[in-house]
C-alpha atoms as a PDB file:
ATOM      1  CA  MET A   1      32.375   9.721 -99.374  1.00  0.00           C
ATOM      2  CA  TYR A   2      30.705   6.899 -97.437  1.00  0.00           C
ATOM      3  CA  ALA A   3      32.149   7.706 -94.004  1.00  0.00           C
ATOM      4  CA  GLY A   4      29.876   6.282 -91.325  1.00  0.00           C
ATOM      5  CA  SER A   5      27.695   4.474 -93.875  1.00  0.00           C
ATOM      6  CA  ALA A   6      28.903   0.870 -93.636  1.00  0.00           C
ATOM      7  CA  GLY A   7      26.246  -0.314 -91.180  1.00  0.00           C
ATOM      8  CA  HIS A   8      23.551   1.600 -93.025  1.00  0.00           C
ATOM      9  CA  TYR A   9      24.718   0.051 -96.304  1.00  0.00           C
ATOM     10  CA  VAL A  10      24.264  -3.473 -94.991  1.00  0.00           C
ATOM     11  CA  LEU A  11      20.762  -2.815 -93.670  1.00  0.00           C
ATOM     12  CA  GLY A  12      19.541  -0.369 -96.287  1.00  0.00           C
ATOM     13  CA  ARG A  13      20.756  -1.874 -99.543  1.00  0.00           C
ATOM     14  CA  VAL A  14      18.611  -4.740-100.804  1.00  0.00           C
ATOM     15  CA  PRO A  15      20.777  -7.896-101.170  1.00  0.00           C
ATOM     16  CA  TYR A  16      21.505  -9.189-104.648  1.00  0.00           C
ATOM     17  CA  PRO A  17      19.154 -12.081-105.423  1.00  0.00           C
ATOM     18  CA  PRO A  18      20.612 -15.614-105.636  1.00  0.00           C
ATOM     19  CA  GLN A  19      19.931 -15.554-109.393  1.00  0.00           C
ATOM     20  CA  VAL A  20      22.908 -13.192-109.805  1.00  0.00           C
ATOM     21  CA  ALA A  21      25.268 -15.871-108.504  1.00  0.00           C
ATOM     22  CA  GLN A  22      23.517 -18.616-110.467  1.00  0.00           C
ATOM     23  CA  THR A  23      23.784 -16.624-113.702  1.00  0.00           C
ATOM     24  CA  LEU A  24      27.494 -15.949-113.239  1.00  0.00           C
ATOM     25  CA  VAL A  25      28.265 -19.520-112.193  1.00  0.00           C
ATOM     26  CA  GLU A  26      26.675 -20.807-115.379  1.00  0.00           C
ATOM     27  CA  SER A  27      28.079 -18.117-117.698  1.00  0.00           C
ATOM     28  CA  LEU A  28      31.639 -18.169-116.349  1.00  0.00           C
ATOM     29  CA  GLY A  29      31.839 -21.868-115.500  1.00  0.00           C
ATOM     30  CA  LEU A  30      32.739 -21.180-111.883  1.00  0.00           C
ATOM     31  CA  ASN A  31      33.784 -24.445-110.236  1.00  0.00           C
ATOM     32  CA  ARG A  32      35.432 -23.443-106.958  1.00  0.00           C
ATOM     33  CA  THR A  33      38.783 -22.763-108.591  1.00  0.00           C
ATOM     34  CA  GLY A  34      40.616 -19.526-109.287  1.00  0.00           C
ATOM     35  CA  VAL A  35      40.583 -16.128-107.609  1.00  0.00           C
ATOM     36  CA  LEU A  36      37.715 -13.629-107.548  1.00  0.00           C
ATOM     37  CA  LEU A  37      38.668  -9.957-107.142  1.00  0.00           C
ATOM     38  CA  ASP A  38      35.764  -7.684-106.178  1.00  0.00           C
ATOM     39  CA  VAL A  39      36.874  -4.072-106.699  1.00  0.00           C
ATOM     40  CA  GLY A  40      35.035  -1.447-104.660  1.00  0.00           C
ATOM     41  CA  CYS A  41      33.466  -4.266-102.663  1.00  0.00           C
ATOM     42  CA  GLY A  42      31.864  -2.166 -99.927  1.00  0.00           C
ATOM     43  CA  PRO A  43      30.619  -4.468 -97.137  1.00  0.00           C
ATOM     44  CA  GLY A  44      31.079  -7.530 -99.344  1.00  0.00           C
ATOM     45  CA  SER A  45      27.558  -7.754-100.774  1.00  0.00           C
ATOM     46  CA  LEU A  46      28.700  -9.430-104.001  1.00  0.00           C
ATOM     47  CA  THR A  47      32.017 -10.816-102.720  1.00  0.00           C
ATOM     48  CA  LEU A  48      30.302 -13.045-100.182  1.00  0.00           C
ATOM     49  CA  LEU A  49      27.576 -14.095-102.615  1.00  0.00           C
ATOM     50  CA  LEU A  50      30.171 -15.436-105.072  1.00  0.00           C
ATOM     51  CA  ALA A  51      32.803 -16.710-102.605  1.00  0.00           C
ATOM     52  CA  PRO A  52      31.374 -20.273-102.430  1.00  0.00           C
ATOM     53  CA  TYR A  53      32.023 -20.704-106.161  1.00  0.00           C
ATOM     54  CA  VAL A  54      35.749 -19.813-106.265  1.00  0.00           C
ATOM     55  CA  ALA A  55      38.884 -20.979-104.468  1.00  0.00           C
ATOM     56  CA  GLU A  56      39.551 -17.536-103.001  1.00  0.00           C
ATOM     57  CA  ALA A  57      37.601 -14.278-102.978  1.00  0.00           C
ATOM     58  CA  ILE A  58      39.349 -10.949-102.373  1.00  0.00           C
ATOM     59  CA  GLY A  59      37.420  -7.764-101.632  1.00  0.00           C
ATOM     60  CA  VAL A  60      39.152  -4.431-102.205  1.00  0.00           C
ATOM     61  CA  ASP A  61      37.813  -1.101-100.998  1.00  0.00           C
ATOM     62  CA  ALA A  62      39.074   2.367-100.065  1.00  0.00           C
ATOM     63  CA  ASP A  63      36.848   2.537 -96.958  1.00  0.00           C
ATOM     64  CA  SER A  64      38.254   0.598 -93.991  1.00  0.00           C
ATOM     65  CA  ASP A  65      34.900   0.606 -92.159  1.00  0.00           C
ATOM     66  CA  MET A  66      33.293  -1.169 -95.110  1.00  0.00           C
ATOM     67  CA  LEU A  67      35.963  -3.870 -94.946  1.00  0.00           C
ATOM     68  CA  THR A  68      35.605  -4.287 -91.176  1.00  0.00           C
ATOM     69  CA  THR A  69      31.877  -4.768 -91.676  1.00  0.00           C
ATOM     70  CA  ALA A  70      32.482  -7.224 -94.532  1.00  0.00           C
ATOM     71  CA  ALA A  71      34.886  -9.288 -92.426  1.00  0.00           C
ATOM     72  CA  SER A  72      32.374  -9.435 -89.586  1.00  0.00           C
ATOM     73  CA  ILE A  73      29.638 -10.674 -91.915  1.00  0.00           C
ATOM     74  CA  ALA A  74      31.959 -13.300 -93.402  1.00  0.00           C
ATOM     75  CA  THR A  75      32.807 -14.588 -89.918  1.00  0.00           C
ATOM     76  CA  ARG A  76      29.152 -14.696 -88.928  1.00  0.00           C
ATOM     77  CA  ARG A  77      28.305 -16.685 -92.063  1.00  0.00           C
ATOM     78  CA  GLY A  78      31.276 -19.026 -91.677  1.00  0.00           C
ATOM     79  CA  ILE A  79      32.801 -18.034 -95.042  1.00  0.00           C
ATOM     80  CA  GLN A  80      36.524 -18.735 -94.753  1.00  0.00           C
ATOM     81  CA  ASN A  81      37.903 -18.410 -98.303  1.00  0.00           C
ATOM     82  CA  VAL A  82      37.736 -14.618 -98.397  1.00  0.00           C
ATOM     83  CA  ARG A  83      40.130 -11.828 -97.458  1.00  0.00           C
ATOM     84  CA  TRP A  84      39.919  -8.060 -97.519  1.00  0.00           C
ATOM     85  CA  LYS A  85      42.374  -5.450 -98.780  1.00  0.00           C
ATOM     86  CA  HIS A  86      42.228  -1.756 -97.848  1.00  0.00           C
ATOM     87  CA  LEU A  87      43.305  -0.237-101.155  1.00  0.00           C
ATOM     88  CA  ARG A  88      42.127   2.217-103.768  1.00  0.00           C
ATOM     89  CA  ALA A  89      41.440   0.635-107.143  1.00  0.00           C
ATOM     90  CA  GLU A  90      43.940   3.036-108.725  1.00  0.00           C
ATOM     91  CA  HIS A  91      46.689   1.488-106.574  1.00  0.00           C
ATOM     92  CA  LEU A  92      46.121  -2.089-107.717  1.00  0.00           C
ATOM     93  CA  PRO A  93      47.560  -4.656-108.202  1.00  0.00           C
ATOM     94  CA  GLY A  94      49.437  -4.336-104.907  1.00  0.00           C
ATOM     95  CA  ASP A  95      50.550  -7.805-103.880  1.00  0.00           C
ATOM     96  CA  LEU A  96      47.407  -9.549-105.099  1.00  0.00           C
ATOM     97  CA  PRO A  97      47.362 -12.643-107.330  1.00  0.00           C
ATOM     98  CA  SER A  98      46.021 -12.641-110.876  1.00  0.00           C
ATOM     99  CA  PRO A  99      42.259 -13.150-110.709  1.00  0.00           C
ATOM    100  CA  ARG A 100      40.182 -15.422-112.885  1.00  0.00           C
ATOM    101  CA  VAL A 101      37.161 -13.170-112.332  1.00  0.00           C
ATOM    102  CA  ILE A 102      37.011  -9.448-111.543  1.00  0.00           C
ATOM    103  CA  THR A 103      33.757  -7.823-110.462  1.00  0.00           C
ATOM    104  CA  LEU A 104      32.824  -4.148-110.267  1.00  0.00           C
ATOM    105  CA  ALA A 105      29.406  -3.778-108.655  1.00  0.00           C
ATOM    106  CA  GLN A 106      27.998  -0.242-108.489  1.00  0.00           C
ATOM    107  CA  SER A 107      31.543   1.050-107.989  1.00  0.00           C
ATOM    108  CA  PHE A 108      33.300   1.802-111.301  1.00  0.00           C
ATOM    109  CA  HIS A 109      31.821   5.305-111.625  1.00  0.00           C
ATOM    110  CA  TRP A 110      33.724   6.463-108.521  1.00  0.00           C
ATOM    111  CA  MET A 111      37.115   5.542-109.991  1.00  0.00           C
ATOM    112  CA  ASP A 112      39.617   6.904-112.483  1.00  0.00           C
ATOM    113  CA  ARG A 113      37.938   4.624-114.970  1.00  0.00           C
ATOM    114  CA  PRO A 114      40.440   4.527-117.883  1.00  0.00           C
ATOM    115  CA  ARG A 115      43.322   3.950-115.474  1.00  0.00           C
ATOM    116  CA  VAL A 116      41.512   1.280-113.475  1.00  0.00           C
ATOM    117  CA  ALA A 117      40.235  -0.516-116.583  1.00  0.00           C
ATOM    118  CA  GLN A 118      43.795  -0.825-117.898  1.00  0.00           C
ATOM    119  CA  ILE A 119      45.120  -2.027-114.540  1.00  0.00           C
ATOM    120  CA  LEU A 120      42.424  -4.689-114.346  1.00  0.00           C
ATOM    121  CA  ARG A 121      43.006  -5.787-117.927  1.00  0.00           C
ATOM    122  CA  ASP A 122      46.687  -6.329-117.097  1.00  0.00           C
ATOM    123  CA  MET A 123      45.868  -8.199-113.874  1.00  0.00           C
ATOM    124  CA  LEU A 124      43.303 -10.583-115.319  1.00  0.00           C
ATOM    125  CA  GLU A 125      44.235 -14.162-116.181  1.00  0.00           C
ATOM    126  CA  PRO A 126      44.404 -14.705-119.989  1.00  0.00           C
ATOM    127  CA  SER A 127      41.167 -16.713-119.989  1.00  0.00           C
ATOM    128  CA  GLY A 128      39.495 -14.639-117.299  1.00  0.00           C
ATOM    129  CA  ALA A 129      36.520 -12.297-117.314  1.00  0.00           C
ATOM    130  CA  LEU A 130      35.543  -8.930-115.856  1.00  0.00           C
ATOM    131  CA  VAL A 131      31.927  -8.472-114.785  1.00  0.00           C
ATOM    132  CA  HIS A 132      30.465  -4.956-114.620  1.00  0.00           C
ATOM    133  CA  VAL A 133      27.359  -5.072-112.444  1.00  0.00           C
ATOM    134  CA  SER A 134      24.759  -2.350-112.998  1.00  0.00           C
ATOM    135  CA  ALA A 135      22.099  -2.200-110.306  1.00  0.00           C
ATOM    136  CA  LYS A 136      20.303   0.143-107.940  1.00  0.00           C
ATOM    137  CA  THR A 137      19.769  -1.637-104.646  1.00  0.00           C
ATOM    138  CA  HIS A 138      18.798   1.383-102.539  1.00  0.00           C
ATOM    139  CA  TRP A 139      15.404   2.051-104.150  1.00  0.00           C
ATOM    140  CA  GLY A 140      12.979   0.368-106.501  1.00  0.00           C
ATOM    141  CA  ALA A 141      11.871   0.844-110.076  1.00  0.00           C
ATOM    142  CA  GLY A 142      10.373   4.227-110.891  1.00  0.00           C
ATOM    143  CA  ALA A 143      11.400   5.789-107.589  1.00  0.00           C
ATOM    144  CA  GLU A 144      12.830   8.908-109.227  1.00  0.00           C
ATOM    145  CA  GLN A 145       9.648   9.712-111.148  1.00  0.00           C
ATOM    146  CA  SER A 146       6.905   9.761-108.533  1.00  0.00           C
ATOM    147  CA  ASP A 147       5.911   8.559-105.090  1.00  0.00           C
ATOM    148  CA  ARG A 148       3.587   5.571-105.293  1.00  0.00           C
ATOM    149  CA  ALA A 149       1.166   4.078-102.791  1.00  0.00           C
ATOM    150  CA  GLY A 150       2.816   1.427-100.660  1.00  0.00           C
ATOM    151  CA  ALA A 151       6.359   2.353-101.691  1.00  0.00           C
ATOM    152  CA  PRO A 152       8.777   4.566 -99.760  1.00  0.00           C
ATOM    153  CA  PRO A 153       8.179   8.253-100.644  1.00  0.00           C
ATOM    154  CA  TRP A 154      11.536   8.695-102.350  1.00  0.00           C
ATOM    155  CA  ARG A 155      10.725  11.998-104.024  1.00  0.00           C
ATOM    156  CA  ALA A 156       9.693  13.504-100.701  1.00  0.00           C
ATOM    157  CA  ILE A 157      12.827  12.032 -99.101  1.00  0.00           C
ATOM    158  CA  GLU A 158      15.009  13.688-101.759  1.00  0.00           C
ATOM    159  CA  THR A 159      13.272  17.001-101.053  1.00  0.00           C
ATOM    160  CA  LEU A 160      13.914  16.600 -97.331  1.00  0.00           C
ATOM    161  CA  VAL A 161      17.605  15.866 -97.888  1.00  0.00           C
ATOM    162  CA  ALA A 162      17.853  18.939-100.099  1.00  0.00           C
ATOM    163  CA  THR A 163      16.429  21.171 -97.353  1.00  0.00           C
ATOM    164  CA  TYR A 164      19.349  20.133 -95.158  1.00  0.00           C
ATOM    165  CA  LEU A 165      22.181  19.776 -97.678  1.00  0.00           C
ATOM    166  CA  GLY A 166      21.157  21.839-100.700  1.00  0.00           C
ATOM    167  CA  SER A 167      19.923  20.848-104.127  1.00  0.00           C
ATOM    168  CA  ASP A 168      23.338  19.760-105.455  1.00  0.00           C
ATOM    169  CA  ARG A 169      23.928  16.156-104.465  1.00  0.00           C
ATOM    170  CA  ARG A 170      26.983  15.893-102.236  1.00  0.00           C
ATOM    171  CA  ALA A 171      29.808  13.411-102.763  1.00  0.00           C
ATOM    172  CA  GLY A 172      32.540  13.649-100.159  1.00  0.00           C
ATOM    173  CA  GLN A 173      33.934  17.183-100.208  1.00  0.00           C
ATOM    174  CA  GLY A 174      32.387  17.924-103.613  1.00  0.00           C
ATOM    175  CA  THR A 175      29.190  17.271-105.519  1.00  0.00           C
ATOM    176  CA  ARG A 176      28.095  14.438-107.781  1.00  0.00           C
ATOM    177  CA  GLY A 177      28.451  14.909-111.500  1.00  0.00           C
ATOM    178  CA  ALA A 178      26.077  13.636-114.158  1.00  0.00           C
ATOM    179  CA  GLU A 179      25.672   9.895-114.644  1.00  0.00           C
ATOM    180  CA  ARG A 180      27.906   8.567-117.420  1.00  0.00           C
ATOM    181  CA  ASP A 181      27.229   5.708-119.793  1.00  0.00           C
ATOM    182  CA  ASP A 182      30.530   5.463-121.683  1.00  0.00           C
ATOM    183  CA  GLU A 183      31.839   2.340-119.934  1.00  0.00           C
ATOM    184  CA  ASP A 184      31.750   0.302-123.140  1.00  0.00           C
ATOM    185  CA  ALA A 185      34.234   2.641-124.811  1.00  0.00           C
ATOM    186  CA  ILE A 186      36.478   2.670-121.746  1.00  0.00           C
ATOM    187  CA  TYR A 187      36.599  -1.110-121.436  1.00  0.00           C
ATOM    188  CA  GLY A 188      37.169  -1.449-125.168  1.00  0.00           C
ATOM    189  CA  ALA A 189      40.056   1.037-125.098  1.00  0.00           C
ATOM    190  CA  ALA A 190      41.674  -0.991-122.320  1.00  0.00           C
ATOM    191  CA  GLY A 191      41.662  -4.103-124.513  1.00  0.00           C
ATOM    192  CA  PHE A 192      38.542  -5.890-123.306  1.00  0.00           C
ATOM    193  CA  CYS A 193      36.208  -7.613-125.778  1.00  0.00           C
ATOM    194  CA  GLY A 194      32.443  -7.661-125.351  1.00  0.00           C
ATOM    195  CA  PRO A 195      30.271  -7.261-123.571  1.00  0.00           C
ATOM    196  CA  GLN A 196      28.087 -10.297-123.199  1.00  0.00           C
ATOM    197  CA  ARG A 197      25.070  -8.705-121.538  1.00  0.00           C
ATOM    198  CA  LEU A 198      22.896 -10.728-119.169  1.00  0.00           C
ATOM    199  CA  GLU A 199      19.965  -9.543-117.101  1.00  0.00           C
ATOM    200  CA  VAL A 200      18.492 -10.807-113.847  1.00  0.00           C
ATOM    201  CA  PRO A 201      14.834  -9.712-113.623  1.00  0.00           C
ATOM    202  CA  GLY A 202      13.605  -7.343-110.950  1.00  0.00           C
ATOM    203  CA  TRP A 203      12.125  -8.821-107.780  1.00  0.00           C
ATOM    204  CA  ALA A 204       9.619  -7.746-105.140  1.00  0.00           C
ATOM    205  CA  VAL A 205      10.781  -6.755-101.655  1.00  0.00           C
ATOM    206  CA  GLN A 206       9.218  -5.656 -98.389  1.00  0.00           C
ATOM    207  CA  ARG A 207      11.113  -3.046 -96.369  1.00  0.00           C
ATOM    208  CA  SER A 208      10.681  -1.679 -92.862  1.00  0.00           C
ATOM    209  CA  ARG A 209      10.936   1.966 -91.890  1.00  0.00           C
ATOM    210  CA  ASP A 210      14.396   1.265 -90.404  1.00  0.00           C
ATOM    211  CA  ASP A 211      15.450  -0.307 -93.717  1.00  0.00           C
ATOM    212  CA  VAL A 212      14.484   2.839 -95.595  1.00  0.00           C
ATOM    213  CA  VAL A 213      16.256   5.153 -93.131  1.00  0.00           C
ATOM    214  CA  ALA A 214      19.379   3.021 -93.550  1.00  0.00           C
ATOM    215  CA  ALA A 215      18.996   3.123 -97.330  1.00  0.00           C
ATOM    216  CA  VAL A 216      18.982   6.926 -97.240  1.00  0.00           C
ATOM    217  CA  HIS A 217      22.173   7.041 -95.168  1.00  0.00           C
ATOM    218  CA  SER A 218      23.823   4.468 -97.448  1.00  0.00           C
ATOM    219  CA  LEU A 219      23.841   7.058-100.248  1.00  0.00           C
ATOM    220  CA  SER A 220      26.939   9.154-100.897  1.00  0.00           C
ATOM    221  CA  TRP A 221      24.762  12.279-101.026  1.00  0.00           C
ATOM    222  CA  ALA A 222      23.052  11.542 -97.690  1.00  0.00           C
ATOM    223  CA  ALA A 223      25.858   9.904 -95.689  1.00  0.00           C
ATOM    224  CA  PRO A 224      25.562  10.607 -91.944  1.00  0.00           C
ATOM    225  CA  HIS A 225      28.670  12.797 -91.713  1.00  0.00           C
ATOM    226  CA  LEU A 226      27.241  15.316 -94.189  1.00  0.00           C
ATOM    227  CA  PHE A 227      24.564  16.404 -91.713  1.00  0.00           C
ATOM    228  CA  GLY A 228      27.011  17.313 -88.947  1.00  0.00           C
ATOM    229  CA  ASP A 229      25.256  18.343 -85.739  1.00  0.00           C
ATOM    230  CA  ARG A 230      21.882  18.318 -87.537  1.00  0.00           C
ATOM    231  CA  LEU A 231      21.866  14.535 -88.034  1.00  0.00           C
ATOM    232  CA  THR A 232      19.524  13.851 -85.104  1.00  0.00           C
ATOM    233  CA  GLN A 233      17.046  16.443 -86.335  1.00  0.00           C
ATOM    234  CA  PHE A 234      17.202  15.097 -89.896  1.00  0.00           C
ATOM    235  CA  ASP A 235      16.568  11.546 -88.707  1.00  0.00           C
ATOM    236  CA  SER A 236      13.603  12.765 -86.675  1.00  0.00           C
ATOM    237  CA  ASP A 237      12.131  14.533 -89.707  1.00  0.00           C
ATOM    238  CA  LEU A 238      12.816  11.505 -91.916  1.00  0.00           C
ATOM    239  CA  ASN A 239      11.121   9.102 -89.513  1.00  0.00           C
ATOM    240  CA  ARG A 240       8.125  11.412 -89.256  1.00  0.00           C
ATOM    241  CA  LEU A 241       7.879  11.544 -93.050  1.00  0.00           C
ATOM    242  CA  LEU A 242       8.014   7.758 -93.295  1.00  0.00           C
ATOM    243  CA  ALA A 243       5.534   7.231 -90.486  1.00  0.00           C
ATOM    244  CA  ASP A 244       3.037   9.448 -92.308  1.00  0.00           C
ATOM    245  CA  ALA A 245       3.495   7.361 -95.470  1.00  0.00           C
ATOM    246  CA  THR A 246       2.601   3.960 -93.995  1.00  0.00           C
ATOM    247  CA  SER A 247       0.111   2.597 -91.502  1.00  0.00           C
ATOM    248  CA  ASP A 248       2.123  -0.481 -90.518  1.00  0.00           C
ATOM    249  CA  ASP A 249       5.791   0.586 -90.852  1.00  0.00           C
ATOM    250  CA  THR A 250       6.267  -1.517 -93.995  1.00  0.00           C
ATOM    251  CA  PHE A 251       6.848  -0.581 -97.619  1.00  0.00           C
ATOM    252  CA  HIS A 252       6.762  -2.593-100.827  1.00  0.00           C
ATOM    253  CA  GLU A 253       8.912  -2.111-103.915  1.00  0.00           C
ATOM    254  CA  THR A 254       9.918  -3.943-107.066  1.00  0.00           C
ATOM    255  CA  MET A 255      13.644  -3.669-107.607  1.00  0.00           C
ATOM    256  CA  ARG A 256      15.134  -2.920-111.001  1.00  0.00           C
ATOM    257  CA  PRO A 257      16.766  -5.702-113.020  1.00  0.00           C
ATOM    258  CA  VAL A 258      20.449  -6.366-112.382  1.00  0.00           C
ATOM    259  CA  VAL A 259      22.493  -6.064-115.579  1.00  0.00           C
ATOM    260  CA  LEU A 260      25.679  -8.129-115.853  1.00  0.00           C
ATOM    261  CA  ASP A 261      28.126  -7.090-118.576  1.00  0.00           C
ATOM    262  CA  ILE A 262      30.827  -9.732-119.068  1.00  0.00           C
ATOM    263  CA  TRP A 263      34.082  -8.544-120.655  1.00  0.00           C
ATOM    264  CA  ARG A 264      36.902 -10.829-121.710  1.00  0.00           C
END
């Protein structure tokens, strides 16, 4: 679904703020011991943020390009206590050790959720915790409702994508279904207790035109491969749309809060 998107993901998705790590360190008592397993880790956005607070961090993803990108970032940052596993969540545990902490950041909805929840429950250390991270790091608060002065014109961008790919949002070879909010029942059925719900407030960001283009291509329904031989033309139209929306190639947004549901 995200073929060709790894580089765009790194540039276009707004990084999690340091407060996410601080909140989890305090709530979970992270003290540089134990194993962190980040399932559906993408390019390691959360894995690398939390790696300094555990003995070993393991990122698992079904997209090998995402893992190659994650490994490159880890090397560049000098983070040495992390490794990457090319594996679908449904095929866990593989040969991986029992984790003290499991994280699922903007990834659980792509999985066979009841199956994966049960696998993770069985993998987790008896005193461990699973953290379900709910966030939208591609666009800011209120982006779906209307285009606002100073912010990227997300509604117009969605319209442009639809002119190329149709009104049904693509996801790999199919289309995206409706958003689901039944995770609590799924985790509970797998034997988890909770959740303890914590929230990191939204934060202001400044984004360049290149950042916004990358954010568009980081989406499953606007991944580069979906445009085929029309990708160059789409990018030209997208850049023209963005240029018309700003006088200095910068945009300003306030990101949504990050919600951390801790299950034990």
